[in-house]
N, C-alpha and C. Protein backbone atom coordinates (compact mmCIF):
# COMPACT_ATOMS: atom_id res chain seq x y z
N MET A 1 -8.33 -11.12 8.84
CA MET A 1 -8.77 -10.97 7.26
C MET A 1 -10.10 -10.26 7.40
N LYS A 2 -10.07 -9.79 6.13
CA LYS A 2 -10.66 -9.18 5.10
C LYS A 2 -12.21 -9.52 4.45
N ALA A 3 -13.46 -9.09 4.66
CA ALA A 3 -14.45 -9.86 3.54
C ALA A 3 -14.65 -8.85 2.61
N THR A 4 -14.96 -10.00 1.79
CA THR A 4 -15.59 -9.54 0.59
C THR A 4 -16.97 -9.04 0.35
N GLY A 5 -17.45 -10.08 0.58
CA GLY A 5 -18.75 -10.64 0.85
C GLY A 5 -19.29 -11.19 0.01
N ILE A 6 -18.15 -11.62 -1.34
CA ILE A 6 -18.21 -12.98 -2.44
C ILE A 6 -18.67 -13.39 -2.03
N VAL A 7 -19.78 -14.80 -1.65
CA VAL A 7 -19.65 -16.09 -1.48
C VAL A 7 -19.57 -16.87 -3.38
N ARG A 8 -18.61 -17.74 -3.29
CA ARG A 8 -18.93 -18.74 -4.42
C ARG A 8 -18.92 -20.37 -4.36
N LYS A 9 -19.32 -20.98 -4.94
CA LYS A 9 -20.01 -22.65 -4.63
C LYS A 9 -18.71 -23.52 -4.95
N ILE A 10 -18.47 -24.43 -4.91
CA ILE A 10 -17.42 -24.97 -5.08
C ILE A 10 -18.01 -26.46 -6.27
N ASP A 11 -17.89 -26.24 -7.93
CA ASP A 11 -18.26 -27.06 -8.22
C ASP A 11 -18.22 -28.80 -7.99
N ASP A 12 -18.97 -29.79 -9.15
CA ASP A 12 -18.66 -31.05 -9.28
C ASP A 12 -17.01 -32.15 -9.19
N LEU A 13 -16.16 -30.61 -9.85
CA LEU A 13 -14.51 -31.07 -9.66
C LEU A 13 -13.65 -30.45 -8.49
N GLY A 14 -14.69 -30.05 -7.64
CA GLY A 14 -13.45 -29.55 -6.81
C GLY A 14 -12.94 -28.02 -6.69
N ARG A 15 -13.83 -27.22 -7.87
CA ARG A 15 -13.24 -26.14 -8.61
C ARG A 15 -14.03 -24.82 -7.32
N VAL A 16 -13.58 -23.85 -7.61
CA VAL A 16 -14.06 -22.58 -7.16
C VAL A 16 -13.20 -21.26 -7.68
N VAL A 17 -14.14 -20.46 -8.31
CA VAL A 17 -13.45 -19.30 -8.73
C VAL A 17 -13.42 -17.92 -8.64
N ILE A 18 -11.82 -17.46 -8.84
CA ILE A 18 -12.29 -16.31 -7.76
C ILE A 18 -12.48 -15.15 -8.55
N PRO A 19 -12.87 -14.35 -8.41
CA PRO A 19 -14.11 -13.46 -9.07
C PRO A 19 -12.46 -11.96 -9.77
N LYS A 20 -13.15 -11.97 -10.37
CA LYS A 20 -12.43 -11.04 -11.62
C LYS A 20 -11.77 -10.11 -10.66
N GLU A 21 -12.48 -9.43 -10.05
CA GLU A 21 -12.18 -8.17 -9.91
C GLU A 21 -10.93 -8.59 -8.51
N ILE A 22 -11.13 -9.51 -8.19
CA ILE A 22 -9.80 -10.15 -6.57
C ILE A 22 -8.91 -10.34 -7.48
N ARG A 23 -9.27 -10.65 -8.93
CA ARG A 23 -7.08 -11.71 -9.50
C ARG A 23 -7.01 -10.40 -9.86
N LYS A 24 -7.72 -9.44 -10.31
CA LYS A 24 -7.02 -7.63 -11.14
C LYS A 24 -6.64 -7.39 -9.47
N GLY A 25 -7.69 -7.26 -8.70
CA GLY A 25 -6.40 -6.44 -7.81
C GLY A 25 -4.84 -7.32 -7.04
N LEU A 26 -4.98 -8.80 -7.16
CA LEU A 26 -3.86 -9.61 -6.76
C LEU A 26 -2.72 -9.75 -7.56
N ARG A 27 -3.27 -9.10 -9.01
CA ARG A 27 -2.22 -9.47 -9.78
C ARG A 27 -2.56 -10.67 -10.42
N ILE A 28 -3.17 -11.31 -9.94
CA ILE A 28 -3.30 -13.64 -10.29
C ILE A 28 -3.89 -13.43 -11.51
N ARG A 29 -2.99 -13.92 -12.59
CA ARG A 29 -3.44 -14.35 -14.25
C ARG A 29 -3.44 -15.42 -13.99
N GLU A 30 -4.23 -15.77 -15.49
CA GLU A 30 -4.55 -17.80 -15.36
C GLU A 30 -3.33 -17.90 -15.96
N GLY A 31 -3.44 -19.59 -15.40
CA GLY A 31 -2.09 -19.79 -15.34
C GLY A 31 -1.17 -19.45 -14.07
N ASP A 32 -0.88 -18.61 -13.40
CA ASP A 32 -0.79 -18.56 -12.35
C ASP A 32 -0.08 -19.52 -11.32
N PRO A 33 0.40 -20.31 -10.59
CA PRO A 33 0.34 -20.94 -9.45
C PRO A 33 -0.06 -20.33 -8.15
N LEU A 34 -0.81 -21.19 -7.23
CA LEU A 34 -1.29 -20.60 -5.86
C LEU A 34 -0.53 -21.47 -5.34
N GLU A 35 -0.24 -21.27 -4.25
CA GLU A 35 -0.35 -21.98 -2.77
C GLU A 35 -1.47 -22.34 -1.89
N ILE A 36 -1.48 -23.48 -1.36
CA ILE A 36 -2.93 -23.63 -0.36
C ILE A 36 -2.37 -23.53 0.65
N PHE A 37 -2.49 -23.24 1.87
CA PHE A 37 -2.35 -23.37 3.20
C PHE A 37 -3.46 -23.83 4.03
N ILE A 38 -3.39 -24.20 5.00
CA ILE A 38 -4.42 -24.14 5.98
C ILE A 38 -3.91 -24.10 7.38
N GLU A 39 -5.38 -23.92 7.74
CA GLU A 39 -5.18 -22.03 8.77
C GLU A 39 -5.13 -23.51 10.23
N LYS A 40 -4.88 -22.76 11.59
CA LYS A 40 -5.30 -24.06 12.67
C LYS A 40 -6.68 -24.07 12.66
N THR A 41 -7.18 -23.11 12.21
CA THR A 41 -9.05 -22.43 12.71
C THR A 41 -9.37 -23.45 11.66
N GLY A 42 -9.17 -23.55 10.41
CA GLY A 42 -9.72 -25.06 9.63
C GLY A 42 -9.42 -23.64 8.44
N GLU A 43 -9.37 -22.60 8.33
CA GLU A 43 -9.57 -21.66 7.45
C GLU A 43 -8.42 -22.30 5.83
N ILE A 44 -8.98 -22.10 4.79
CA ILE A 44 -7.93 -22.09 3.83
C ILE A 44 -7.52 -21.01 3.07
N VAL A 45 -6.22 -20.81 2.86
CA VAL A 45 -5.67 -19.71 2.74
C VAL A 45 -5.08 -20.29 1.03
N LEU A 46 -5.11 -19.24 0.03
CA LEU A 46 -4.77 -19.14 -1.03
C LEU A 46 -3.48 -17.93 -1.05
N LYS A 47 -2.41 -18.42 -1.31
CA LYS A 47 -1.31 -17.27 -1.44
C LYS A 47 -0.88 -17.42 -2.97
N LYS A 48 -0.35 -16.17 -3.75
CA LYS A 48 0.24 -16.81 -4.58
C LYS A 48 1.84 -17.35 -4.80
N TYR A 49 1.96 -18.20 -5.33
CA TYR A 49 3.13 -18.59 -5.26
C TYR A 49 4.27 -17.68 -6.43
N ALA A 50 5.06 -17.88 -4.83
CA ALA A 50 6.58 -16.89 -5.25
C ALA A 50 7.79 -17.80 -4.99
N PRO A 51 8.06 -18.81 -6.41
CA PRO A 51 9.53 -19.37 -6.22
C PRO A 51 10.73 -18.51 -5.66
N MET A 52 10.76 -17.77 -6.06
CA MET A 52 12.15 -16.53 -6.01
C MET A 52 12.21 -16.20 -3.93
N GLY A 53 10.78 -16.86 -3.53
CA GLY A 53 11.28 -16.71 -1.95
C GLY A 53 11.68 -17.30 -1.21
N ASP A 54 11.82 -18.87 -1.47
CA ASP A 54 13.48 -19.97 -1.70
C ASP A 54 14.48 -19.16 -2.04
N MET A 55 14.61 -18.53 -2.41
CA MET A 55 16.34 -17.62 -2.58
C MET A 55 16.48 -16.22 -1.69
N LEU A 56 15.80 -15.96 -0.90
CA LEU A 56 16.13 -15.10 -0.30
C LEU A 56 17.54 -15.07 -0.18
N GLU A 57 17.17 -16.49 0.93
CA GLU A 57 19.09 -15.83 1.09
C GLU A 57 20.03 -15.94 0.27
N VAL A 58 19.88 -16.09 -0.76
CA VAL A 58 21.29 -15.79 -1.95
C VAL A 58 20.53 -14.88 -2.14
N ALA A 59 19.43 -14.07 -2.55
CA ALA A 59 19.26 -13.01 -3.39
C ALA A 59 19.97 -12.14 -3.01
N SER A 60 19.57 -12.25 -1.10
CA SER A 60 20.19 -10.98 -0.33
C SER A 60 21.94 -10.73 -0.49
N ALA A 61 22.86 -11.70 -0.66
CA ALA A 61 23.77 -12.03 -1.01
C ALA A 61 24.44 -11.70 -1.70
N TYR A 62 23.81 -11.96 -2.82
CA TYR A 62 23.79 -11.35 -4.64
C TYR A 62 23.64 -10.19 -5.05
N VAL A 63 22.47 -9.67 -4.79
CA VAL A 63 22.61 -7.95 -4.77
C VAL A 63 23.55 -6.98 -4.09
N GLU A 64 23.95 -7.54 -2.99
CA GLU A 64 25.13 -7.21 -1.97
C GLU A 64 26.50 -7.04 -2.63
N THR A 65 26.61 -8.12 -3.53
CA THR A 65 27.83 -8.41 -4.54
C THR A 65 27.92 -7.82 -5.37
N LEU A 66 26.48 -7.45 -6.08
CA LEU A 66 26.17 -6.77 -7.64
C LEU A 66 26.14 -5.23 -7.19
N ALA A 67 25.78 -4.48 -6.02
CA ALA A 67 25.60 -3.08 -5.62
C ALA A 67 27.63 -3.08 -5.38
N ASN A 68 28.39 -3.33 -4.79
CA ASN A 68 29.23 -3.87 -4.95
C ASN A 68 29.96 -3.63 -5.77
N THR A 69 30.33 -3.82 -6.38
CA THR A 69 31.13 -4.74 -7.90
C THR A 69 30.59 -3.96 -8.77
N SER A 70 29.51 -3.12 -9.57
CA SER A 70 28.22 -1.64 -10.07
C SER A 70 28.79 -0.65 -9.51
N ASP A 71 29.15 -0.73 -8.39
CA ASP A 71 28.53 0.94 -7.35
C ASP A 71 27.26 1.28 -7.94
N LEU A 72 26.38 0.71 -7.93
CA LEU A 72 24.92 0.97 -8.40
C LEU A 72 24.21 0.50 -7.36
N VAL A 73 22.74 0.45 -7.42
CA VAL A 73 21.84 0.04 -6.27
C VAL A 73 21.43 -1.11 -6.96
N ALA A 74 21.76 -2.37 -6.80
CA ALA A 74 21.11 -3.78 -7.48
C ALA A 74 20.06 -4.24 -6.48
N CYS A 75 18.86 -4.62 -6.86
CA CYS A 75 17.93 -5.34 -6.20
C CYS A 75 17.48 -6.11 -7.23
N ILE A 76 17.23 -7.39 -6.23
CA ILE A 76 15.68 -8.44 -7.14
C ILE A 76 14.53 -8.39 -6.66
N THR A 77 13.66 -8.92 -7.53
CA THR A 77 12.77 -8.86 -7.19
C THR A 77 11.54 -10.55 -7.62
N ASP A 78 10.75 -10.25 -6.93
CA ASP A 78 10.38 -11.82 -7.52
C ASP A 78 8.67 -11.01 -8.41
N MET A 79 8.00 -11.78 -9.09
CA MET A 79 6.94 -11.39 -9.67
C MET A 79 6.22 -9.87 -9.62
N GLU A 80 6.16 -10.20 -7.75
CA GLU A 80 5.38 -9.17 -7.27
C GLU A 80 5.99 -7.79 -6.50
N THR A 81 7.23 -7.98 -5.92
CA THR A 81 7.82 -6.91 -4.68
C THR A 81 9.24 -7.14 -5.48
N ILE A 82 9.92 -6.11 -4.81
CA ILE A 82 11.32 -6.05 -4.52
C ILE A 82 11.99 -6.98 -3.20
N ILE A 83 12.46 -8.10 -3.49
CA ILE A 83 12.88 -9.24 -1.93
C ILE A 83 13.91 -8.82 -1.48
N ALA A 84 15.08 -8.13 -3.00
CA ALA A 84 16.26 -8.13 -2.09
C ALA A 84 16.60 -6.99 -2.60
N ILE A 85 17.50 -6.00 -1.83
CA ILE A 85 18.05 -4.35 -2.27
C ILE A 85 19.22 -4.47 -1.42
N SER A 86 20.13 -3.67 -2.19
CA SER A 86 21.35 -2.77 -1.38
C SER A 86 21.67 -1.70 -2.63
N GLY A 87 22.60 -1.03 -1.50
CA GLY A 87 22.84 0.16 -1.94
C GLY A 87 21.99 1.47 -1.80
N ALA A 88 21.05 0.92 -1.02
CA ALA A 88 19.90 1.91 -1.25
C ALA A 88 18.83 1.95 0.10
N PRO A 89 18.29 3.09 0.71
CA PRO A 89 17.13 2.41 1.61
C PRO A 89 16.71 1.43 1.48
N LYS A 90 16.65 0.47 2.28
CA LYS A 90 15.79 -1.38 2.22
C LYS A 90 13.88 -0.49 2.53
N SER A 91 14.12 0.29 3.41
CA SER A 91 12.80 1.11 3.58
C SER A 91 12.02 1.49 2.59
N GLU A 92 12.80 2.14 1.39
CA GLU A 92 12.30 2.49 0.46
C GLU A 92 12.10 1.87 -0.72
N TYR A 93 12.16 0.55 -0.82
CA TYR A 93 12.13 -0.41 -2.08
C TYR A 93 11.69 -2.18 -1.62
N LEU A 94 12.55 -2.77 -0.48
CA LEU A 94 11.86 -3.85 0.25
C LEU A 94 10.69 -3.94 0.56
N ALA A 95 9.86 -4.69 -0.30
CA ALA A 95 8.35 -5.48 0.03
C ALA A 95 7.51 -4.59 -0.89
N LYS A 96 7.98 -3.85 -1.51
CA LYS A 96 7.30 -2.36 -2.23
C LYS A 96 6.75 -3.23 -3.63
N SER A 97 5.55 -3.05 -3.78
CA SER A 97 4.74 -3.92 -5.26
C SER A 97 5.84 -3.00 -6.53
N ILE A 98 6.52 -3.94 -7.32
CA ILE A 98 7.14 -3.59 -9.21
C ILE A 98 5.80 -3.22 -9.80
N SER A 99 6.39 -2.16 -10.33
CA SER A 99 5.94 -1.58 -11.49
C SER A 99 5.25 -1.95 -12.71
N GLU A 100 3.81 -2.27 -13.24
CA GLU A 100 3.77 -2.39 -14.29
C GLU A 100 5.06 -2.43 -15.64
N HIS A 101 5.38 -1.23 -15.77
CA HIS A 101 6.74 -1.63 -16.49
C HIS A 101 7.33 -2.71 -15.95
N VAL A 102 8.03 -3.06 -15.31
CA VAL A 102 9.26 -4.34 -14.87
C VAL A 102 7.93 -4.99 -15.02
N LEU A 103 6.49 -5.78 -15.11
CA LEU A 103 6.19 -6.67 -14.99
C LEU A 103 6.10 -6.89 -16.95
N ASN A 104 6.11 -5.82 -17.27
CA ASN A 104 6.55 -6.03 -19.23
C ASN A 104 7.87 -6.41 -19.49
N VAL A 105 8.97 -6.12 -18.91
CA VAL A 105 10.14 -6.51 -18.81
C VAL A 105 10.26 -8.09 -18.74
N MET A 106 9.65 -8.34 -17.84
CA MET A 106 9.53 -9.69 -17.06
C MET A 106 9.55 -10.73 -18.82
N GLU A 107 7.71 -9.96 -18.95
CA GLU A 107 6.34 -10.50 -19.81
C GLU A 107 7.64 -10.61 -21.47
N GLU A 108 8.37 -9.44 -21.44
CA GLU A 108 8.87 -9.43 -23.22
C GLU A 108 10.13 -10.39 -22.85
N ARG A 109 11.08 -10.87 -21.51
CA ARG A 109 11.81 -11.69 -21.95
C ARG A 109 13.20 -11.38 -21.83
N ALA A 110 13.12 -9.90 -22.45
CA ALA A 110 14.22 -9.02 -22.97
C ALA A 110 14.98 -8.27 -21.63
N ILE A 111 16.21 -8.07 -21.81
CA ILE A 111 17.31 -6.77 -21.35
C ILE A 111 16.98 -5.76 -21.32
N TRP A 112 16.04 -4.86 -20.59
CA TRP A 112 15.96 -3.31 -20.88
C TRP A 112 16.44 -2.30 -20.60
N SER A 113 17.04 -1.52 -21.27
CA SER A 113 17.64 -0.32 -19.82
C SER A 113 17.72 1.23 -20.68
N THR A 114 18.04 1.81 -19.53
CA THR A 114 18.00 3.48 -20.17
C THR A 114 18.76 4.04 -21.06
N TYR A 115 19.70 2.81 -21.54
CA TYR A 115 20.41 3.30 -22.91
C TYR A 115 19.95 3.13 -23.74
N ASP A 116 18.70 2.57 -24.01
CA ASP A 116 17.95 2.91 -25.79
C ASP A 116 17.08 4.13 -24.96
N ASP A 117 16.19 3.76 -23.71
CA ASP A 117 14.66 4.37 -23.12
C ASP A 117 15.13 5.34 -22.20
N MET A 118 13.81 5.94 -21.91
CA MET A 118 13.59 7.11 -20.89
C MET A 118 13.41 6.01 -19.18
N PRO A 119 14.19 6.25 -18.52
CA PRO A 119 13.88 6.15 -17.11
C PRO A 119 12.26 5.31 -16.94
N MET A 120 12.08 4.28 -15.80
CA MET A 120 10.94 3.76 -15.43
C MET A 120 10.40 3.83 -14.36
N PRO A 121 8.99 3.89 -13.91
CA PRO A 121 9.40 3.39 -12.53
C PRO A 121 9.13 1.92 -11.98
N LEU A 122 10.07 1.90 -10.90
CA LEU A 122 10.11 0.58 -10.60
C LEU A 122 8.80 -0.11 -9.71
N ILE A 123 8.37 0.67 -8.51
CA ILE A 123 7.92 0.38 -7.94
C ILE A 123 6.24 1.34 -8.57
N GLU A 124 5.17 0.39 -8.04
CA GLU A 124 4.06 1.47 -8.44
C GLU A 124 4.15 2.69 -7.65
N GLY A 125 3.60 3.81 -8.70
CA GLY A 125 3.56 4.77 -7.91
C GLY A 125 4.13 5.87 -8.10
N GLU A 126 5.34 5.61 -8.50
CA GLU A 126 6.18 6.05 -8.06
C GLU A 126 6.78 6.90 -9.06
N ASN A 127 7.73 8.67 -9.37
CA ASN A 127 8.11 9.47 -10.14
C ASN A 127 8.89 8.78 -10.71
N PRO A 128 9.53 8.33 -12.09
CA PRO A 128 10.61 7.88 -12.89
C PRO A 128 11.85 8.72 -12.71
N SER A 129 11.32 9.67 -13.04
CA SER A 129 12.64 11.05 -12.86
C SER A 129 13.48 11.05 -11.71
N LYS A 130 13.32 10.21 -11.23
CA LYS A 130 14.75 10.66 -9.89
C LYS A 130 15.97 9.40 -10.57
N TYR A 131 15.42 8.96 -11.44
CA TYR A 131 15.91 7.14 -11.85
C TYR A 131 17.17 7.94 -13.18
N LYS A 132 18.61 7.94 -12.54
CA LYS A 132 19.23 8.36 -13.86
C LYS A 132 19.89 7.37 -14.89
N ALA A 133 20.07 6.14 -14.61
CA ALA A 133 19.83 5.12 -15.11
C ALA A 133 19.54 3.78 -15.07
N GLN A 134 18.97 2.85 -15.48
CA GLN A 134 18.45 1.96 -15.07
C GLN A 134 18.61 0.23 -16.21
N ILE A 135 19.21 -0.68 -15.34
CA ILE A 135 19.31 -1.88 -15.86
C ILE A 135 17.99 -2.99 -15.37
N ILE A 136 17.58 -3.46 -16.64
CA ILE A 136 16.65 -4.61 -15.54
C ILE A 136 16.85 -6.28 -16.85
N ALA A 137 17.20 -6.70 -15.89
CA ALA A 137 17.07 -8.43 -16.91
C ALA A 137 16.13 -9.40 -16.29
N PRO A 138 15.15 -10.06 -17.07
CA PRO A 138 14.43 -11.02 -16.44
C PRO A 138 15.14 -12.62 -15.75
N ILE A 139 14.30 -13.02 -14.80
CA ILE A 139 15.01 -14.38 -14.80
C ILE A 139 13.79 -15.03 -14.92
N ILE A 140 14.36 -16.23 -15.76
CA ILE A 140 14.41 -16.92 -16.34
C ILE A 140 14.24 -18.64 -15.57
N SER A 141 12.97 -19.59 -15.14
CA SER A 141 13.74 -20.41 -14.70
C SER A 141 12.33 -21.33 -15.78
N ASP A 142 12.93 -22.74 -15.90
CA ASP A 142 11.80 -23.63 -16.49
C ASP A 142 11.21 -23.26 -17.29
N ALA A 143 11.63 -22.22 -18.23
CA ALA A 143 11.05 -21.81 -19.30
C ALA A 143 9.72 -20.17 -19.16
N ASP A 144 9.85 -19.95 -17.70
CA ASP A 144 9.33 -19.60 -16.98
C ASP A 144 9.64 -17.91 -16.36
N ALA A 145 8.97 -16.31 -16.74
CA ALA A 145 9.37 -15.57 -16.09
C ALA A 145 9.19 -15.40 -14.38
N ILE A 146 10.52 -15.35 -13.83
CA ILE A 146 9.80 -15.71 -12.22
C ILE A 146 10.53 -14.31 -11.50
N GLY A 147 11.23 -13.26 -11.87
CA GLY A 147 11.37 -12.19 -10.89
C GLY A 147 12.37 -11.20 -11.99
N THR A 148 13.23 -10.59 -11.38
CA THR A 148 14.19 -9.51 -12.09
C THR A 148 15.67 -9.47 -11.66
N VAL A 149 16.67 -8.80 -12.20
CA VAL A 149 17.55 -8.17 -11.95
C VAL A 149 17.59 -7.29 -12.27
N ILE A 150 17.11 -6.10 -10.94
CA ILE A 150 17.79 -4.84 -11.39
C ILE A 150 18.91 -4.01 -11.12
N LEU A 151 19.88 -2.83 -11.25
CA LEU A 151 20.87 -2.10 -11.27
C LEU A 151 20.11 -0.49 -11.72
N PHE A 152 20.12 -0.04 -10.77
CA PHE A 152 20.08 1.84 -11.40
C PHE A 152 20.84 2.53 -9.91
N SER A 153 20.68 3.95 -10.70
CA SER A 153 21.31 4.82 -10.58
C SER A 153 20.41 6.23 -10.10
N LEU A 154 20.81 6.80 -9.09
CA LEU A 154 20.66 8.02 -8.91
C LEU A 154 21.18 9.49 -8.98
N ASP A 155 22.51 9.24 -9.28
CA ASP A 155 23.28 9.85 -10.05
C ASP A 155 23.79 10.28 -10.96
N ASN A 156 23.32 11.22 -11.64
CA ASN A 156 23.83 11.82 -12.77
C ASN A 156 25.44 11.43 -13.72
N ASN A 157 26.04 11.19 -12.91
CA ASN A 157 27.40 10.36 -13.25
C ASN A 157 27.45 9.38 -13.50
N LYS A 158 27.01 8.45 -13.15
CA LYS A 158 26.76 6.87 -13.29
C LYS A 158 25.55 6.16 -14.18
N LYS A 159 26.52 6.01 -15.49
CA LYS A 159 25.50 5.07 -17.17
C LYS A 159 25.48 4.05 -16.96
N ILE A 160 24.75 3.10 -17.77
CA ILE A 160 24.92 2.02 -18.15
C ILE A 160 25.60 1.93 -19.08
N SER A 161 26.10 0.45 -19.19
CA SER A 161 27.48 -0.15 -19.69
C SER A 161 27.60 -0.89 -20.25
N ASN A 162 27.80 -1.85 -20.91
CA ASN A 162 28.31 -3.33 -21.03
C ASN A 162 28.39 -3.83 -20.22
N VAL A 163 29.20 -3.59 -19.00
CA VAL A 163 29.89 -4.16 -18.25
C VAL A 163 28.66 -4.45 -16.80
N GLU A 164 27.43 -3.71 -17.45
CA GLU A 164 26.51 -3.98 -16.09
C GLU A 164 25.73 -4.58 -16.78
N TYR A 165 25.60 -4.38 -17.75
CA TYR A 165 24.76 -5.34 -18.53
C TYR A 165 25.36 -6.70 -18.69
N LYS A 166 26.37 -6.86 -18.58
CA LYS A 166 26.89 -8.57 -18.54
C LYS A 166 26.28 -8.81 -17.15
N LEU A 167 27.06 -8.13 -16.09
CA LEU A 167 26.58 -8.15 -14.34
C LEU A 167 24.85 -8.82 -14.25
N VAL A 168 23.90 -8.03 -15.45
CA VAL A 168 22.77 -8.47 -14.89
C VAL A 168 22.68 -9.87 -15.96
N GLN A 169 22.87 -9.48 -16.94
CA GLN A 169 22.41 -10.65 -17.19
C GLN A 169 23.35 -12.00 -16.78
N SER A 170 24.66 -12.00 -16.00
CA SER A 170 25.02 -13.35 -15.80
C SER A 170 24.23 -13.32 -14.34
N ALA A 171 23.46 -12.00 -13.90
CA ALA A 171 22.97 -12.89 -12.19
C ALA A 171 21.64 -13.10 -12.76
N ALA A 172 20.87 -12.60 -13.37
CA ALA A 172 19.29 -12.87 -14.40
C ALA A 172 20.04 -14.93 -13.91
N SER A 173 20.64 -14.81 -15.19
CA SER A 173 20.58 -16.79 -15.62
C SER A 173 21.12 -17.55 -14.41
N PHE A 174 22.00 -16.54 -13.69
CA PHE A 174 22.56 -17.68 -12.36
C PHE A 174 21.34 -18.36 -11.62
N LEU A 175 20.54 -16.72 -11.39
CA LEU A 175 19.86 -17.23 -10.39
C LEU A 175 18.22 -17.93 -10.52
N GLY A 176 18.12 -18.28 -11.96
CA GLY A 176 17.02 -18.52 -13.04
C GLY A 176 17.83 -20.58 -12.98
N LYS A 177 19.12 -20.67 -13.38
CA LYS A 177 19.76 -21.78 -13.18
C LYS A 177 19.61 -22.38 -11.35
N GLN A 178 19.52 -21.58 -10.40
CA GLN A 178 19.74 -21.99 -9.01
C GLN A 178 18.02 -22.30 -8.53
N MET A 179 17.01 -21.94 -9.38
CA MET A 179 15.50 -22.01 -9.45
C MET A 179 15.61 -23.70 -10.04
N GLU A 180 15.90 -23.62 -11.37
CA GLU A 180 15.91 -25.10 -11.69
C GLU A 180 16.62 -26.01 -11.33
N ALA A 181 17.39 -25.82 -9.90
CA ALA A 181 18.26 -27.04 -9.29
C ALA A 181 17.25 -27.31 -7.68
C-alpha cells in the first residue's frame, strides 16, 4: 500500500472525506459507488465498484463472437479499463485504462463511430492515428452507463457500416439487460 500522508477524521455520521486529488487521480466522481473490503489485518479498503466485473466470463465469450462475426477487433470495457478483448494482442489492451474520449461516449449515452468522426484514443496516452475504423456503444444498466462495447480496425480496408452499428447496439443492450437481471 502507498501512504499519502493525508489524515482525515470520521464525522458524527461515520463519514470520511476522500481528498479531491485522490478522487481525481482514481477517477472517482460524486455519486460513484465504492465497495468496502476488510482485510484480515484490520485494514479497510475502498474500491471503485465495477459491476461489469461480475460479467467477465460472459463478456469474454461475447467479444470472441463479435470479433469472429464482424472480422474486427472487439472489446468490452467497464468504467475504467478494458475487461475483455478478442482479435488483438491482449497484452496491448487488456486491463489498460480507457481514455477520456471513451468515458465521454459513456456519459453521452449515444453510439459513436468514425463513420461521422475522426478516430479517438481508446486507452490513455495512445495515438489514435493507428485506428482506421471504430464504433463505440455505451452499456446502460438501470439507467446508468457501466461500460462500452467497442469494435475497431487497424486495417484501412475495414470500415464501419450499419451491420457493425447493429452489432454493437445489440451487444450493449444485451449486456445491460444481463446486469439488470
